[in-house]
Amino acid sequence: RFNGQWLRLWRGTQMFTLPKEDLIGGLLEIK
């Protein structure tokens, strides 16, 4: 497994602009 940059999630809705390289695999984990 190759992880991209970890981003913090706070309560509510946040918008992110992710690099193309992070979305190539089409997988997001919410930990």
ModelCIF file with pLDDT and N, C-alpha, C, O atoms, coordinates in Angstrom:
data_MODEL
#
_entry.id   MODEL 
#
_entity.id                         1 
_entity.type                       polymer 
_entity.pdbx_number_of_molecules   1 
#
_entity_poly.entity_id                      1 
_entity_poly.type                           'polypeptide(L)' 
_entity_poly.nstd_linkage                   no 
_entity_poly.nstd_monomer                   no 
_entity_poly.pdbx_seq_one_letter_code       RFNGQWLRLWRGTQMFTLPKEDLIGGLLEIK 
_entity_poly.pdbx_seq_one_letter_code_can   RFNGQWLRLWRGTQMFTLPKEDLIGGLLEIK 
_entity_poly.pdbx_strand_id                 A 
#
loop_
_entity_poly_seq.entity_id 
_entity_poly_seq.num 
_entity_poly_seq.mon_id 
_entity_poly_seq.hetero 
1 1  ARG n 
1 2  PHE n 
1 3  ASN n 
1 4  GLY n 
1 5  GLN n 
1 6  TRP n 
1 7  LEU n 
1 8  ARG n 
1 9  LEU n 
1 10 TRP n 
1 11 ARG n 
1 12 GLY n 
1 13 THR n 
1 14 GLN n 
1 15 MET n 
1 16 PHE n 
1 17 THR n 
1 18 LEU n 
1 19 PRO n 
1 20 LYS n 
1 21 GLU n 
1 22 ASP n 
1 23 LEU n 
1 24 ILE n 
1 25 GLY n 
1 26 GLY n 
1 27 LEU n 
1 28 LEU n 
1 29 GLU n 
1 30 ILE n 
1 31 LYS n 
#
_struct_asym.id          A 
_struct_asym.entity_id   1 
#
loop_
_ma_qa_metric.id 
_ma_qa_metric.mode 
_ma_qa_metric.name 
_ma_qa_metric.software_group_id 
_ma_qa_metric.type 
1 global pLDDT . pLDDT 
2 local  pLDDT . pLDDT 
#
_ma_qa_metric_global.metric_id      1 
_ma_qa_metric_global.metric_value   89.81 
_ma_qa_metric_global.model_id       1 
_ma_qa_metric_global.ordinal_id     1 
#
loop_
_ma_qa_metric_local.label_asym_id 
_ma_qa_metric_local.label_comp_id 
_ma_qa_metric_local.label_seq_id 
_ma_qa_metric_local.metric_id 
_ma_qa_metric_local.metric_value 
_ma_qa_metric_local.model_id 
_ma_qa_metric_local.ordinal_id 
A ARG 1  2 88.00 1 1  
A PHE 2  2 88.00 1 2  
A ASN 3  2 88.00 1 3  
A GLY 4  2 88.00 1 4  
A GLN 5  2 90.00 1 5  
A TRP 6  2 93.00 1 6  
A LEU 7  2 94.00 1 7  
A ARG 8  2 94.00 1 8  
A LEU 9  2 92.00 1 9  
A TRP 10 2 90.00 1 10 
A ARG 11 2 89.00 1 11 
A GLY 12 2 89.00 1 12 
A THR 13 2 92.00 1 13 
A GLN 14 2 94.00 1 14 
A MET 15 2 95.00 1 15 
A PHE 16 2 94.00 1 16 
A THR 17 2 92.00 1 17 
A LEU 18 2 90.00 1 18 
A PRO 19 2 89.00 1 19 
A LYS 20 2 86.00 1 20 
A GLU 21 2 85.00 1 21 
A ASP 22 2 85.00 1 22 
A LEU 23 2 85.00 1 23 
A ILE 24 2 81.00 1 24 
A GLY 25 2 81.00 1 25 
A GLY 26 2 86.00 1 26 
A LEU 27 2 92.00 1 27 
A LEU 28 2 94.00 1 28 
A GLU 29 2 94.00 1 29 
A ILE 30 2 94.00 1 30 
A LYS 31 2 92.00 1 31 
#
loop_
_atom_site.group_PDB 
_atom_site.id 
_atom_site.type_symbol 
_atom_site.label_atom_id 
_atom_site.label_alt_id 
_atom_site.label_comp_id 
_atom_site.label_asym_id 
_atom_site.label_entity_id 
_atom_site.label_seq_id 
_atom_site.pdbx_PDB_ins_code 
_atom_site.Cartn_x 
_atom_site.Cartn_y 
_atom_site.Cartn_z 
_atom_site.occupancy 
_atom_site.B_iso_or_equiv 
_atom_site.pdbx_formal_charge 
_atom_site.auth_seq_id 
_atom_site.auth_comp_id 
_atom_site.auth_asym_id 
_atom_site.auth_atom_id 
_atom_site.pdbx_PDB_model_num 
ATOM 1   N N  . ARG A 1 1  ? 0.836   -1.201 0.000  1.00 88.00 ? 1  ARG A N  1 
ATOM 2   C CA . ARG A 1 1  ? 0.000   0.000  0.000  1.00 88.00 ? 1  ARG A CA 1 
ATOM 3   C C  . ARG A 1 1  ? 0.873   1.254  0.000  1.00 88.00 ? 1  ARG A C  1 
ATOM 4   O O  . ARG A 1 1  ? 1.866   1.334  0.722  1.00 88.00 ? 1  ARG A O  1 
ATOM 5   N N  . PHE A 1 2  ? 0.481   2.240  -0.831 1.00 88.00 ? 2  PHE A N  1 
ATOM 6   C CA . PHE A 1 2  ? 1.189   3.518  -0.898 1.00 88.00 ? 2  PHE A CA 1 
ATOM 7   C C  . PHE A 1 2  ? 0.228   4.614  -0.474 1.00 88.00 ? 2  PHE A C  1 
ATOM 8   O O  . PHE A 1 2  ? -0.757  4.872  -1.166 1.00 88.00 ? 2  PHE A O  1 
ATOM 9   N N  . ASN A 1 3  ? 0.499   5.270  0.665  1.00 88.00 ? 3  ASN A N  1 
ATOM 10  C CA . ASN A 1 3  ? -0.364  6.329  1.185  1.00 88.00 ? 3  ASN A CA 1 
ATOM 11  C C  . ASN A 1 3  ? 0.027   7.674  0.605  1.00 88.00 ? 3  ASN A C  1 
ATOM 12  O O  . ASN A 1 3  ? 1.206   7.958  0.394  1.00 88.00 ? 3  ASN A O  1 
ATOM 13  N N  . GLY A 1 4  ? -0.993  8.507  0.347  1.00 88.00 ? 4  GLY A N  1 
ATOM 14  C CA . GLY A 1 4  ? -0.759  9.895  -0.024 1.00 88.00 ? 4  GLY A CA 1 
ATOM 15  C C  . GLY A 1 4  ? -0.662  10.739 1.246  1.00 88.00 ? 4  GLY A C  1 
ATOM 16  O O  . GLY A 1 4  ? -0.413  10.216 2.332  1.00 88.00 ? 4  GLY A O  1 
ATOM 17  N N  . GLN A 1 5  ? -0.860  12.033 1.099  1.00 90.00 ? 5  GLN A N  1 
ATOM 18  C CA . GLN A 1 5  ? -0.775  12.947 2.245  1.00 90.00 ? 5  GLN A CA 1 
ATOM 19  C C  . GLN A 1 5  ? -1.992  12.774 3.144  1.00 90.00 ? 5  GLN A C  1 
ATOM 20  O O  . GLN A 1 5  ? -3.124  12.777 2.660  1.00 90.00 ? 5  GLN A O  1 
ATOM 21  N N  . TRP A 1 6  ? -1.771  12.623 4.445  1.00 93.00 ? 6  TRP A N  1 
ATOM 22  C CA . TRP A 1 6  ? -2.853  12.508 5.416  1.00 93.00 ? 6  TRP A CA 1 
ATOM 23  C C  . TRP A 1 6  ? -3.429  13.903 5.664  1.00 93.00 ? 6  TRP A C  1 
ATOM 24  O O  . TRP A 1 6  ? -2.681  14.857 5.879  1.00 93.00 ? 6  TRP A O  1 
ATOM 25  N N  . LEU A 1 7  ? -4.750  14.018 5.635  1.00 94.00 ? 7  LEU A N  1 
ATOM 26  C CA . LEU A 1 7  ? -5.426  15.298 5.852  1.00 94.00 ? 7  LEU A CA 1 
ATOM 27  C C  . LEU A 1 7  ? -6.344  15.179 7.063  1.00 94.00 ? 7  LEU A C  1 
ATOM 28  O O  . LEU A 1 7  ? -7.003  14.155 7.244  1.00 94.00 ? 7  LEU A O  1 
ATOM 29  N N  . ARG A 1 8  ? -6.392  16.215 7.887  1.00 94.00 ? 8  ARG A N  1 
ATOM 30  C CA . ARG A 1 8  ? -7.225  16.192 9.092  1.00 94.00 ? 8  ARG A CA 1 
ATOM 31  C C  . ARG A 1 8  ? -8.682  16.459 8.739  1.00 94.00 ? 8  ARG A C  1 
ATOM 32  O O  . ARG A 1 8  ? -8.989  17.307 7.901  1.00 94.00 ? 8  ARG A O  1 
ATOM 33  N N  . LEU A 1 9  ? -9.570  15.721 9.393  1.00 92.00 ? 9  LEU A N  1 
ATOM 34  C CA . LEU A 1 9  ? -11.009 15.928 9.230  1.00 92.00 ? 9  LEU A CA 1 
ATOM 35  C C  . LEU A 1 9  ? -11.588 16.407 10.550 1.00 92.00 ? 9  LEU A C  1 
ATOM 36  O O  . LEU A 1 9  ? -11.476 15.726 11.569 1.00 92.00 ? 9  LEU A O  1 
ATOM 37  N N  . TRP A 1 10 ? -12.202 17.568 10.528 1.00 90.00 ? 10 TRP A N  1 
ATOM 38  C CA . TRP A 1 10 ? -12.860 18.131 11.696 1.00 90.00 ? 10 TRP A CA 1 
ATOM 39  C C  . TRP A 1 10 ? -14.357 17.892 11.560 1.00 90.00 ? 10 TRP A C  1 
ATOM 40  O O  . TRP A 1 10 ? -14.815 17.463 10.501 1.00 90.00 ? 10 TRP A O  1 
ATOM 41  N N  . ARG A 1 11 ? -15.102 18.151 12.576 1.00 89.00 ? 11 ARG A N  1 
ATOM 42  C CA . ARG A 1 11 ? -16.545 17.982 12.515 1.00 89.00 ? 11 ARG A CA 1 
ATOM 43  C C  . ARG A 1 11 ? -17.128 18.948 11.490 1.00 89.00 ? 11 ARG A C  1 
ATOM 44  O O  . ARG A 1 11 ? -16.774 20.127 11.477 1.00 89.00 ? 11 ARG A O  1 
ATOM 45  N N  . GLY A 1 12 ? -18.011 18.459 10.641 1.00 89.00 ? 12 GLY A N  1 
ATOM 46  C CA . GLY A 1 12 ? -18.611 19.274 9.601  1.00 89.00 ? 12 GLY A CA 1 
ATOM 47  C C  . GLY A 1 12 ? -18.098 18.868 8.229  1.00 89.00 ? 12 GLY A C  1 
ATOM 48  O O  . GLY A 1 12 ? -17.630 17.746 8.037  1.00 89.00 ? 12 GLY A O  1 
ATOM 49  N N  . THR A 1 13 ? -18.189 19.784 7.281  1.00 92.00 ? 13 THR A N  1 
ATOM 50  C CA . THR A 1 13 ? -17.790 19.508 5.906  1.00 92.00 ? 13 THR A CA 1 
ATOM 51  C C  . THR A 1 13 ? -16.547 20.311 5.548  1.00 92.00 ? 13 THR A C  1 
ATOM 52  O O  . THR A 1 13 ? -16.473 21.512 5.808  1.00 92.00 ? 13 THR A O  1 
ATOM 53  N N  . GLN A 1 14 ? -15.581 19.640 4.954  1.00 94.00 ? 14 GLN A N  1 
ATOM 54  C CA . GLN A 1 14 ? -14.372 20.298 4.472  1.00 94.00 ? 14 GLN A CA 1 
ATOM 55  C C  . GLN A 1 14 ? -14.186 19.949 3.008  1.00 94.00 ? 14 GLN A C  1 
ATOM 56  O O  . GLN A 1 14 ? -14.500 18.839 2.578  1.00 94.00 ? 14 GLN A O  1 
ATOM 57  N N  . MET A 1 15 ? -13.666 20.916 2.236  1.00 95.00 ? 15 MET A N  1 
ATOM 58  C CA . MET A 1 15 ? -13.381 20.686 0.833  1.00 95.00 ? 15 MET A CA 1 
ATOM 59  C C  . MET A 1 15 ? -11.877 20.589 0.645  1.00 95.00 ? 15 MET A C  1 
ATOM 60  O O  . MET A 1 15 ? -11.117 21.374 1.212  1.00 95.00 ? 15 MET A O  1 
ATOM 61  N N  . PHE A 1 16 ? -11.452 19.617 -0.158 1.00 94.00 ? 16 PHE A N  1 
ATOM 62  C CA . PHE A 1 16 ? -10.038 19.406 -0.437 1.00 94.00 ? 16 PHE A CA 1 
ATOM 63  C C  . PHE A 1 16 ? -9.826  19.371 -1.942 1.00 94.00 ? 16 PHE A C  1 
ATOM 64  O O  . PHE A 1 16 ? -10.670 18.874 -2.687 1.00 94.00 ? 16 PHE A O  1 
ATOM 65  N N  . THR A 1 17 ? -8.694  19.902 -2.383 1.00 92.00 ? 17 THR A N  1 
ATOM 66  C CA . THR A 1 17 ? -8.255  19.733 -3.762 1.00 92.00 ? 17 THR A CA 1 
ATOM 67  C C  . THR A 1 17 ? -7.056  18.801 -3.700 1.00 92.00 ? 17 THR A C  1 
ATOM 68  O O  . THR A 1 17 ? -5.957  19.208 -3.322 1.00 92.00 ? 17 THR A O  1 
ATOM 69  N N  . LEU A 1 18 ? -7.276  17.562 -4.071 1.00 90.00 ? 18 LEU A N  1 
ATOM 70  C CA . LEU A 1 18 ? -6.248  16.539 -3.949 1.00 90.00 ? 18 LEU A CA 1 
ATOM 71  C C  . LEU A 1 18 ? -5.395  16.477 -5.212 1.00 90.00 ? 18 LEU A C  1 
ATOM 72  O O  . LEU A 1 18 ? -5.894  16.735 -6.307 1.00 90.00 ? 18 LEU A O  1 
ATOM 73  N N  . PRO A 1 19 ? -4.121  16.140 -5.072 1.00 89.00 ? 19 PRO A N  1 
ATOM 74  C CA . PRO A 1 19 ? -3.273  15.966 -6.256 1.00 89.00 ? 19 PRO A CA 1 
ATOM 75  C C  . PRO A 1 19 ? -3.755  14.783 -7.100 1.00 89.00 ? 19 PRO A C  1 
ATOM 76  O O  . PRO A 1 19 ? -4.304  13.818 -6.568 1.00 89.00 ? 19 PRO A O  1 
ATOM 77  N N  . LYS A 1 20 ? -3.549  14.863 -8.402 1.00 86.00 ? 20 LYS A N  1 
ATOM 78  C CA . LYS A 1 20 ? -3.943  13.763 -9.295 1.00 86.00 ? 20 LYS A CA 1 
ATOM 79  C C  . LYS A 1 20 ? -3.314  12.447 -8.867 1.00 86.00 ? 20 LYS A C  1 
ATOM 80  O O  . LYS A 1 20 ? -3.947  11.393 -8.935 1.00 86.00 ? 20 LYS A O  1 
ATOM 81  N N  . GLU A 1 21 ? -2.075  12.515 -8.428 1.00 85.00 ? 21 GLU A N  1 
ATOM 82  C CA . GLU A 1 21 ? -1.353  11.307 -8.042 1.00 85.00 ? 21 GLU A CA 1 
ATOM 83  C C  . GLU A 1 21 ? -2.041  10.569 -6.901 1.00 85.00 ? 21 GLU A C  1 
ATOM 84  O O  . GLU A 1 21 ? -1.999  9.340  -6.846 1.00 85.00 ? 21 GLU A O  1 
ATOM 85  N N  . ASP A 1 22 ? -2.678  11.310 -5.984 1.00 85.00 ? 22 ASP A N  1 
ATOM 86  C CA . ASP A 1 22 ? -3.361  10.682 -4.858 1.00 85.00 ? 22 ASP A CA 1 
ATOM 87  C C  . ASP A 1 22 ? -4.669  10.017 -5.261 1.00 85.00 ? 22 ASP A C  1 
ATOM 88  O O  . ASP A 1 22 ? -5.156  9.139  -4.549 1.00 85.00 ? 22 ASP A O  1 
ATOM 89  N N  . LEU A 1 23 ? -5.246  10.419 -6.389 1.00 85.00 ? 23 LEU A N  1 
ATOM 90  C CA . LEU A 1 23 ? -6.532  9.877  -6.808 1.00 85.00 ? 23 LEU A CA 1 
ATOM 91  C C  . LEU A 1 23 ? -6.411  8.807  -7.890 1.00 85.00 ? 23 LEU A C  1 
ATOM 92  O O  . LEU A 1 23 ? -7.425  8.278  -8.347 1.00 85.00 ? 23 LEU A O  1 
ATOM 93  N N  . ILE A 1 24 ? -5.192  8.483  -8.305 1.00 81.00 ? 24 ILE A N  1 
ATOM 94  C CA . ILE A 1 24 ? -5.010  7.474  -9.348 1.00 81.00 ? 24 ILE A CA 1 
ATOM 95  C C  . ILE A 1 24 ? -5.577  6.128  -8.905 1.00 81.00 ? 24 ILE A C  1 
ATOM 96  O O  . ILE A 1 24 ? -6.233  5.446  -9.693 1.00 81.00 ? 24 ILE A O  1 
ATOM 97  N N  . GLY A 1 25 ? -5.338  5.747  -7.678 1.00 81.00 ? 25 GLY A N  1 
ATOM 98  C CA . GLY A 1 25 ? -5.821  4.458  -7.194 1.00 81.00 ? 25 GLY A CA 1 
ATOM 99  C C  . GLY A 1 25 ? -7.321  4.420  -6.953 1.00 81.00 ? 25 GLY A C  1 
ATOM 100 O O  . GLY A 1 25 ? -7.902  3.337  -6.875 1.00 81.00 ? 25 GLY A O  1 
ATOM 101 N N  . GLY A 1 26 ? -7.962  5.582  -6.834 1.00 86.00 ? 26 GLY A N  1 
ATOM 102 C CA . GLY A 1 26 ? -9.403  5.623  -6.613 1.00 86.00 ? 26 GLY A CA 1 
ATOM 103 C C  . GLY A 1 26 ? -9.828  5.166  -5.231 1.00 86.00 ? 26 GLY A C  1 
ATOM 104 O O  . GLY A 1 26 ? -10.974 4.754  -5.051 1.00 86.00 ? 26 GLY A O  1 
ATOM 105 N N  . LEU A 1 27 ? -8.945  5.227  -4.256 1.00 92.00 ? 27 LEU A N  1 
ATOM 106 C CA . LEU A 1 27 ? -9.248  4.746  -2.911 1.00 92.00 ? 27 LEU A CA 1 
ATOM 107 C C  . LEU A 1 27 ? -8.976  5.842  -1.881 1.00 92.00 ? 27 LEU A C  1 
ATOM 108 O O  . LEU A 1 27 ? -7.924  6.480  -1.897 1.00 92.00 ? 27 LEU A O  1 
ATOM 109 N N  . LEU A 1 28 ? -9.934  6.045  -0.996 1.00 94.00 ? 28 LEU A N  1 
ATOM 110 C CA . LEU A 1 28 ? -9.775  6.963  0.133  1.00 94.00 ? 28 LEU A CA 1 
ATOM 111 C C  . LEU A 1 28 ? -10.083 6.184  1.402  1.00 94.00 ? 28 LEU A C  1 
ATOM 112 O O  . LEU A 1 28 ? -11.052 5.427  1.449  1.00 94.00 ? 28 LEU A O  1 
ATOM 113 N N  . GLU A 1 29 ? -9.272  6.366  2.417  1.00 94.00 ? 29 GLU A N  1 
ATOM 114 C CA . GLU A 1 29 ? -9.573  5.782  3.723  1.00 94.00 ? 29 GLU A CA 1 
ATOM 115 C C  . GLU A 1 29 ? -9.882  6.910  4.687  1.00 94.00 ? 29 GLU A C  1 
ATOM 116 O O  . GLU A 1 29 ? -9.204  7.938  4.697  1.00 94.00 ? 29 GLU A O  1 
ATOM 117 N N  . ILE A 1 30 ? -10.911 6.712  5.497  1.00 94.00 ? 30 ILE A N  1 
ATOM 118 C CA . ILE A 1 30 ? -11.221 7.637  6.575  1.00 94.00 ? 30 ILE A CA 1 
ATOM 119 C C  . ILE A 1 30 ? -10.919 6.892  7.860  1.00 94.00 ? 30 ILE A C  1 
ATOM 120 O O  . ILE A 1 30 ? -11.585 5.915  8.203  1.00 94.00 ? 30 ILE A O  1 
ATOM 121 N N  . LYS A 1 31 ? -9.907  7.368  8.562  1.00 92.00 ? 31 LYS A N  1 
ATOM 122 C CA . LYS A 1 31 ? -9.420  6.687  9.761  1.00 92.00 ? 31 LYS A CA 1 
ATOM 123 C C  . LYS A 1 31 ? -9.831  7.499  10.983 1.00 92.00 ? 31 LYS A C  1 
ATOM 124 O O  . LYS A 1 31 ? -9.526  7.113  12.112 1.00 92.00 ? 31 LYS A O  1 
#
